[in-house]
C-alpha atoms as a PDB file:
ATOM      1  CA  MET A   1      37.040   3.844  -7.066  1.00  0.00           C
ATOM      2  CA  LEU A   2      34.400   6.297  -5.635  1.00  0.00           C
ATOM      3  CA  ALA A   3      32.738   5.408  -2.200  1.00  0.00           C
ATOM      4  CA  GLY A   4      30.148   7.416  -0.337  1.00  0.00           C
ATOM      5  CA  PHE A   5      26.542   8.301  -0.195  1.00  0.00           C
ATOM      6  CA  VAL A   6      24.407  10.133  -2.602  1.00  0.00           C
ATOM      7  CA  THR A   7      20.455  10.088  -2.655  1.00  0.00           C
ATOM      8  CA  PHE A   8      18.001  11.721  -5.634  1.00  0.00           C
ATOM      9  CA  GLU A   9      15.140  14.019  -4.370  1.00  0.00           C
ATOM     10  CA  GLY A  10      12.249  15.697  -6.407  1.00  0.00           C
ATOM     11  CA  ILE A  11       8.642  15.478  -6.555  1.00  0.00           C
ATOM     12  CA  ASP A  12       6.828  13.034  -8.282  1.00  0.00           C
ATOM     13  CA  GLY A  13       7.216  12.712 -11.913  1.00  0.00           C
ATOM     14  CA  ALA A  14      10.985  14.139 -11.489  1.00  0.00           C
ATOM     15  CA  GLY A  15      12.421  11.052 -12.802  1.00  0.00           C
ATOM     16  CA  LYS A  16      14.128  10.305  -9.664  1.00  0.00           C
ATOM     17  CA  THR A  17      13.825   6.082 -10.147  1.00  0.00           C
ATOM     18  CA  THR A  18      15.449   6.320 -13.969  1.00  0.00           C
ATOM     19  CA  VAL A  19      17.744   8.674 -13.490  1.00  0.00           C
ATOM     20  CA  SER A  20      19.255   7.327 -10.167  1.00  0.00           C
ATOM     21  CA  ARG A  21      18.877   3.589 -12.317  1.00  0.00           C
ATOM     22  CA  LEU A  22      20.535   5.287 -15.234  1.00  0.00           C
ATOM     23  CA  VAL A  23      23.587   6.412 -12.964  1.00  0.00           C
ATOM     24  CA  ALA A  24      23.881   3.342 -11.313  1.00  0.00           C
ATOM     25  CA  GLU A  25      24.846   1.898 -14.938  1.00  0.00           C
ATOM     26  CA  PHE A  26      27.180   4.842 -16.072  1.00  0.00           C
ATOM     27  CA  LEU A  27      29.337   4.218 -12.960  1.00  0.00           C
ATOM     28  CA  ARG A  28      29.250   0.749 -12.857  1.00  0.00           C
ATOM     29  CA  ALA A  29      30.596   0.789 -16.657  1.00  0.00           C
ATOM     30  CA  LYS A  30      33.300   3.200 -14.983  1.00  0.00           C
ATOM     31  CA  GLY A  31      34.243   0.255 -12.685  1.00  0.00           C
ATOM     32  CA  HIS A  32      32.583   1.361  -9.508  1.00  0.00           C
ATOM     33  CA  ALA A  33      31.045  -0.656  -7.000  1.00  0.00           C
ATOM     34  CA  VAL A  34      27.380   0.490  -6.978  1.00  0.00           C
ATOM     35  CA  PHE A  35      24.854  -0.386  -4.485  1.00  0.00           C
ATOM     36  CA  LEU A  36      21.196   1.375  -5.542  1.00  0.00           C
ATOM     37  CA  THR A  37      18.182   1.576  -3.279  1.00  0.00           C
ATOM     38  CA  SER A  38      15.034   3.300  -2.620  1.00  0.00           C
ATOM     39  CA  GLU A  39      12.758   4.329  -0.108  1.00  0.00           C
ATOM     40  CA  PRO A  40       9.981   3.187   1.123  1.00  0.00           C
ATOM     41  CA  THR A  41      12.264   0.024   1.255  1.00  0.00           C
ATOM     42  CA  LYS A  42      10.656  -3.166  -0.109  1.00  0.00           C
ATOM     43  CA  THR A  43      10.655  -4.596   3.544  1.00  0.00           C
ATOM     44  CA  TRP A  44       7.650  -5.264   5.385  1.00  0.00           C
ATOM     45  CA  LEU A  45       8.464  -1.664   6.976  1.00  0.00           C
ATOM     46  CA  GLY A  46       8.358  -0.186   3.522  1.00  0.00           C
ATOM     47  CA  ASP A  47       5.474  -2.048   2.797  1.00  0.00           C
ATOM     48  CA  ALA A  48       3.665  -0.307   5.914  1.00  0.00           C
ATOM     49  CA  VAL A  49       4.276   3.303   4.629  1.00  0.00           C
ATOM     50  CA  ARG A  50       2.558   2.224   1.599  1.00  0.00           C
ATOM     51  CA  HIS A  51      -0.479   0.721   3.275  1.00  0.00           C
ATOM     52  CA  ALA A  52      -0.482   3.432   5.399  1.00  0.00           C
ATOM     53  CA  TYR A  53      -1.220   5.985   2.137  1.00  0.00           C
ATOM     54  CA  ASP A  54      -4.165   3.773   1.316  1.00  0.00           C
ATOM     55  CA  ASP A  55      -5.722   3.348   4.728  1.00  0.00           C
ATOM     56  CA  ASP A  56      -5.115   6.642   5.791  1.00  0.00           C
ATOM     57  CA  VAL A  57      -3.882   6.620   9.176  1.00  0.00           C
ATOM     58  CA  GLY A  58      -3.067  10.257   9.353  1.00  0.00           C
ATOM     59  CA  ALA A  59       0.121  12.654   8.531  1.00  0.00           C
ATOM     60  CA  VAL A  60       1.389  12.048  12.234  1.00  0.00           C
ATOM     61  CA  ALA A  61       1.765   8.186  12.384  1.00  0.00           C
ATOM     62  CA  GLU A  62       2.335   8.068   8.688  1.00  0.00           C
ATOM     63  CA  SER A  63       5.542  10.657   9.009  1.00  0.00           C
ATOM     64  CA  PHE A  64       6.922   7.783  12.479  1.00  0.00           C
ATOM     65  CA  LEU A  65       6.245   5.203  10.169  1.00  0.00           C
ATOM     66  CA  PHE A  66       8.586   6.700   7.165  1.00  0.00           C
ATOM     67  CA  LEU A  67      11.329   6.967  10.247  1.00  0.00           C
ATOM     68  CA  ALA A  68      11.019   3.484  11.283  1.00  0.00           C
ATOM     69  CA  ASP A  69      11.503   2.553   7.644  1.00  0.00           C
ATOM     70  CA  ARG A  70      14.694   4.463   7.407  1.00  0.00           C
ATOM     71  CA  ALA A  71      15.895   3.142  10.854  1.00  0.00           C
ATOM     72  CA  ALA A  72      15.787  -0.165   9.502  1.00  0.00           C
ATOM     73  CA  HIS A  73      17.330   1.127   6.208  1.00  0.00           C
ATOM     74  CA  VAL A  74      20.251   2.958   7.293  1.00  0.00           C
ATOM     75  CA  GLU A  75      21.761   0.074   8.719  1.00  0.00           C
ATOM     76  CA  GLU A  76      21.740  -1.441   5.291  1.00  0.00           C
ATOM     77  CA  ILE A  77      23.076   1.421   4.016  1.00  0.00           C
ATOM     78  CA  ARG A  78      26.089   1.900   6.485  1.00  0.00           C
ATOM     79  CA  SER A  79      27.093  -2.123   6.072  1.00  0.00           C
ATOM     80  CA  HIS A  80      27.478  -0.947   1.821  1.00  0.00           C
ATOM     81  CA  LEU A  81      29.178   2.206   2.944  1.00  0.00           C
ATOM     82  CA  GLU A  82      31.830   0.018   5.477  1.00  0.00           C
ATOM     83  CA  ASN A  83      32.627  -2.215   2.181  1.00  0.00           C
ATOM     84  CA  GLY A  84      33.733   0.569   0.430  1.00  0.00           C
ATOM     85  CA  GLU A  85      30.682   0.819  -1.911  1.00  0.00           C
ATOM     86  CA  LEU A  86      29.101   3.826  -3.514  1.00  0.00           C
ATOM     87  CA  VAL A  87      25.508   4.041  -2.187  1.00  0.00           C
ATOM     88  CA  LEU A  88      22.849   5.592  -4.585  1.00  0.00           C
ATOM     89  CA  CYS A  89      19.208   6.184  -2.989  1.00  0.00           C
ATOM     90  CA  ASP A  90      16.354   6.966  -4.920  1.00  0.00           C
ATOM     91  CA  ARG A  91      14.258   9.260  -1.939  1.00  0.00           C
ATOM     92  CA  TYR A  92      15.844   9.356   1.517  1.00  0.00           C
ATOM     93  CA  ALA A  93      15.216  11.854   4.662  1.00  0.00           C
ATOM     94  CA  ASP A  94      14.537  14.965   2.381  1.00  0.00           C
ATOM     95  CA  SER A  95      11.861  13.416   0.641  1.00  0.00           C
ATOM     96  CA  THR A  96      10.334  12.860   4.442  1.00  0.00           C
ATOM     97  CA  TYR A  97      10.957  16.586   5.185  1.00  0.00           C
ATOM     98  CA  ALA A  98       9.680  17.865   2.037  1.00  0.00           C
ATOM     99  CA  TYR A  99       6.289  15.821   1.563  1.00  0.00           C
ATOM    100  CA  GLN A 100       5.693  14.874   5.386  1.00  0.00           C
ATOM    101  CA  GLY A 101       6.255  18.547   6.369  1.00  0.00           C
ATOM    102  CA  ALA A 102       3.553  19.478   3.909  1.00  0.00           C
ATOM    103  CA  ARG A 103       1.293  16.850   5.003  1.00  0.00           C
ATOM    104  CA  LEU A 104       2.086  18.009   9.117  1.00  0.00           C
ATOM    105  CA  LYS A 105       1.355  21.581   8.090  1.00  0.00           C
ATOM    106  CA  GLY A 106      -0.902  22.702  10.684  1.00  0.00           C
ATOM    107  CA  ILE A 107      -0.566  19.743  12.820  1.00  0.00           C
ATOM    108  CA  VAL A 108       2.785  20.345  14.052  1.00  0.00           C
ATOM    109  CA  LYS A 109       4.703  23.807  14.506  1.00  0.00           C
ATOM    110  CA  ASP A 110       7.470  23.968  11.941  1.00  0.00           C
ATOM    111  CA  PRO A 111       6.888  20.671  10.484  1.00  0.00           C
ATOM    112  CA  ILE A 112      10.280  20.317   8.695  1.00  0.00           C
ATOM    113  CA  ARG A 113      12.308  21.159  12.139  1.00  0.00           C
ATOM    114  CA  PHE A 114      10.068  18.877  13.826  1.00  0.00           C
ATOM    115  CA  LEU A 115      11.152  16.139  11.499  1.00  0.00           C
ATOM    116  CA  GLN A 116      14.794  16.811  11.694  1.00  0.00           C
ATOM    117  CA  GLN A 117      15.177  16.740  15.078  1.00  0.00           C
ATOM    118  CA  ALA A 118      13.138  13.356  15.134  1.00  0.00           C
ATOM    119  CA  SER A 119      15.906  12.117  12.377  1.00  0.00           C
ATOM    120  CA  LYS A 120      18.752  13.841  14.555  1.00  0.00           C
ATOM    121  CA  GLY A 121      21.516  11.447  15.523  1.00  0.00           C
ATOM    122  CA  TRP A 122      20.775   8.314  13.851  1.00  0.00           C
ATOM    123  CA  THR A 123      20.372   9.152  10.427  1.00  0.00           C
ATOM    124  CA  LEU A 124      23.121   8.986   7.888  1.00  0.00           C
ATOM    125  CA  GLU A 125      23.845  12.311   5.986  1.00  0.00           C
ATOM    126  CA  PRO A 126      24.350  12.439   2.526  1.00  0.00           C
ATOM    127  CA  ASP A 127      27.829  13.410   1.116  1.00  0.00           C
ATOM    128  CA  LEU A 128      25.753  14.524  -2.044  1.00  0.00           C
ATOM    129  CA  THR A 129      21.854  15.184  -2.799  1.00  0.00           C
ATOM    130  CA  VAL A 130      20.882  15.435  -6.489  1.00  0.00           C
ATOM    131  CA  LEU A 131      17.501  17.351  -6.493  1.00  0.00           C
ATOM    132  CA  LEU A 132      15.902  16.802 -10.193  1.00  0.00           C
ATOM    133  CA  ARG A 133      13.494  19.968 -10.105  1.00  0.00           C
ATOM    134  CA  VAL A 134      10.310  20.213 -12.355  1.00  0.00           C
ATOM    135  CA  THR A 135       7.563  22.316 -12.173  1.00  0.00           C
ATOM    136  CA  PRO A 136       4.535  20.675 -10.257  1.00  0.00           C
ATOM    137  CA  ASN A 137       2.366  20.829 -13.477  1.00  0.00           C
ATOM    138  CA  LEU A 138       5.030  18.781 -15.262  1.00  0.00           C
ATOM    139  CA  GLY A 139       5.500  16.296 -12.870  1.00  0.00           C
ATOM    140  CA  LEU A 140       1.707  15.958 -12.937  1.00  0.00           C
ATOM    141  CA  LYS A 141       1.733  15.372 -16.804  1.00  0.00           C
ATOM    142  CA  ARG A 142       4.393  12.412 -16.660  1.00  0.00           C
ATOM    143  CA  ILE A 143       2.578  10.639 -14.029  1.00  0.00           C
ATOM    144  CA  GLN A 144      -0.736  10.752 -15.265  1.00  0.00           C
ATOM    145  CA  GLY A 145      -0.343   7.074 -17.205  1.00  0.00           C
ATOM    146  CA  ARG A 146       0.925   5.393 -13.688  1.00  0.00           C
ATOM    147  CA  PRO A 147      -1.683   2.587 -13.083  1.00  0.00           C
ATOM    148  CA  THR A 148      -2.010   3.625  -9.206  1.00  0.00           C
ATOM    149  CA  ARG A 149      -1.746   7.036  -7.787  1.00  0.00           C
ATOM    150  CA  ILE A 150      -1.927   8.175  -4.052  1.00  0.00           C
ATOM    151  CA  ARG A 151      -4.140  10.863  -3.021  1.00  0.00           C
ATOM    152  CA  PHE A 152      -1.682  13.459  -2.435  1.00  0.00           C
ATOM    153  CA  GLU A 153      -0.356  13.442  -5.987  1.00  0.00           C
ATOM    154  CA  GLU A 154      -2.304  16.838  -6.762  1.00  0.00           C
ATOM    155  CA  LEU A 155      -1.475  20.275  -7.796  1.00  0.00           C
ATOM    156  CA  PRO A 156      -1.835  22.432  -4.757  1.00  0.00           C
ATOM    157  CA  PHE A 157      -0.131  19.539  -2.668  1.00  0.00           C
ATOM    158  CA  LEU A 158       2.865  19.126  -4.903  1.00  0.00           C
ATOM    159  CA  LYS A 159       3.491  22.939  -4.764  1.00  0.00           C
ATOM    160  CA  GLU A 160       3.974  22.966  -1.473  1.00  0.00           C
ATOM    161  CA  VAL A 161       6.487  19.721  -1.791  1.00  0.00           C
ATOM    162  CA  ALA A 162       8.181  21.901  -4.437  1.00  0.00           C
ATOM    163  CA  ALA A 163       8.537  25.001  -1.957  1.00  0.00           C
ATOM    164  CA  ASN A 164       9.789  22.693   0.822  1.00  0.00           C
ATOM    165  CA  TYR A 165      12.288  21.113  -1.730  1.00  0.00           C
ATOM    166  CA  ASP A 166      13.628  24.758  -2.671  1.00  0.00           C
ATOM    167  CA  GLY A 167      14.372  25.575   1.201  1.00  0.00           C
ATOM    168  CA  LEU A 168      15.932  22.072   1.794  1.00  0.00           C
ATOM    169  CA  SER A 169      18.323  22.803  -1.611  1.00  0.00           C
ATOM    170  CA  ARG A 170      20.392  25.812   0.418  1.00  0.00           C
ATOM    171  CA  SER A 171      21.938  23.308   1.854  1.00  0.00           C
ATOM    172  CA  ARG A 172      25.553  22.843   0.067  1.00  0.00           C
ATOM    173  CA  ARG A 173      25.226  19.143   0.036  1.00  0.00           C
ATOM    174  CA  PHE A 174      22.500  19.700  -2.695  1.00  0.00           C
ATOM    175  CA  VAL A 175      23.400  20.030  -6.710  1.00  0.00           C
ATOM    176  CA  VAL A 176      20.052  20.899  -8.382  1.00  0.00           C
ATOM    177  CA  LEU A 177      19.548  19.689 -11.655  1.00  0.00           C
ATOM    178  CA  ASP A 178      17.014  20.574 -14.479  1.00  0.00           C
ATOM    179  CA  GLY A 179      14.642  17.579 -14.427  1.00  0.00           C
ATOM    180  CA  ALA A 180      12.653  18.725 -17.473  1.00  0.00           C
ATOM    181  CA  ARG A 181      15.366  17.239 -20.002  1.00  0.00           C
ATOM    182  CA  THR A 182      15.648  13.643 -20.968  1.00  0.00           C
ATOM    183  CA  ALA A 183      16.808  11.207 -18.550  1.00  0.00           C
ATOM    184  CA  GLU A 184      20.194  10.532 -19.839  1.00  0.00           C
ATOM    185  CA  VAL A 185      20.935  13.968 -20.304  1.00  0.00           C
ATOM    186  CA  VAL A 186      20.188  14.400 -16.672  1.00  0.00           C
ATOM    187  CA  ALA A 187      21.741  11.278 -15.536  1.00  0.00           C
ATOM    188  CA  ARG A 188      25.061  12.378 -17.200  1.00  0.00           C
ATOM    189  CA  GLU A 189      25.080  15.267 -15.281  1.00  0.00           C
ATOM    190  CA  ALA A 190      24.202  13.731 -12.402  1.00  0.00           C
ATOM    191  CA  THR A 191      26.912  11.395 -12.832  1.00  0.00           C
ATOM    192  CA  MET A 192      29.779  14.387 -13.526  1.00  0.00           C
ATOM    193  CA  ALA A 193      28.661  15.793 -10.098  1.00  0.00           C
ATOM    194  CA  ILE A 194      29.104  12.746  -8.463  1.00  0.00           C
ATOM    195  CA  GLU A 195      32.662  12.344  -9.885  1.00  0.00           C
ATOM    196  CA  ASN A 196      33.361  15.844  -9.296  1.00  0.00           C
ATOM    197  CA  ARG A 197      31.989  16.018  -5.565  1.00  0.00           C
ATOM    198  CA  LEU A 198      33.061  13.020  -3.899  1.00  0.00           C
ATOM    199  CA  THR A 199      36.643  11.032  -3.180  1.00  0.00           C
ATOM    200  CA  PRO A 200      37.597   7.627  -3.186  1.00  0.00           C
ATOM    201  CA  ARG A 201      37.201   5.137  -0.364  1.00  0.00           C
ATOM    202  CA  ARG A 202      35.589   7.736   1.990  1.00  0.00           C
ATOM    203  CA  ARG A 203      34.889   6.164   5.444  1.00  0.00           C
ATOM    204  CA  ARG A 204      31.801   7.121   7.162  1.00  0.00           C
ATOM    205  CA  GLY A 205      30.400   7.814  10.584  1.00  0.00           C
ATOM    206  CA  ALA A 206      26.344   8.415  11.791  1.00  0.00           C
ATOM    207  CA  GLY A 207      25.682  11.917  10.781  1.00  0.00           C
ATOM    208  CA  SER A 208      22.212  14.225  11.456  1.00  0.00           C
ATOM    209  CA  PRO A 209      21.036  16.259   8.870  1.00  0.00           C
ATOM    210  CA  PRO A 210      21.975  20.024   8.286  1.00  0.00           C
END
């Protein structure tokens, strides 16, 4: 049975939620114990993150709300890892680095490094991060039908976020997949990547982002 921590990343419209759910289904069908989670979480801290978008609390306060939500989430993730489960997470720390890195541009020096340093020592490092790459134009086209959209889902901003993801994906823990294909095709490729990269029943401790 596979065990480890896998995150799914990408800009809005990349297909993270659909693909991560399909991957969970594929792996469960093969007999693996899978815990699927997401960020922002469905807790009051996650609600605070979502309210931050609506209330426009500012980029700095917004960033620390993401970190607070993750700090609580890490404990939940850790408990499932200690039980030998495979944890899949739809958005995690790299999402904060990519998105809040763009939000904090011009406010703090080297925003991504600022956020990584704030996360150092307590954030669990994923064993594998699956980046679903789509163009910002395609991402926006895919989310046009959403009932609610946040103010940052605009082309210039998504271009900055995509560029941040490209920089982050140079880390060896990333596998980059073409998210423009159908969700099932991408999910099957992601499943293969997970099976190739993870080892059975791997136990973990705390780590820091690369």
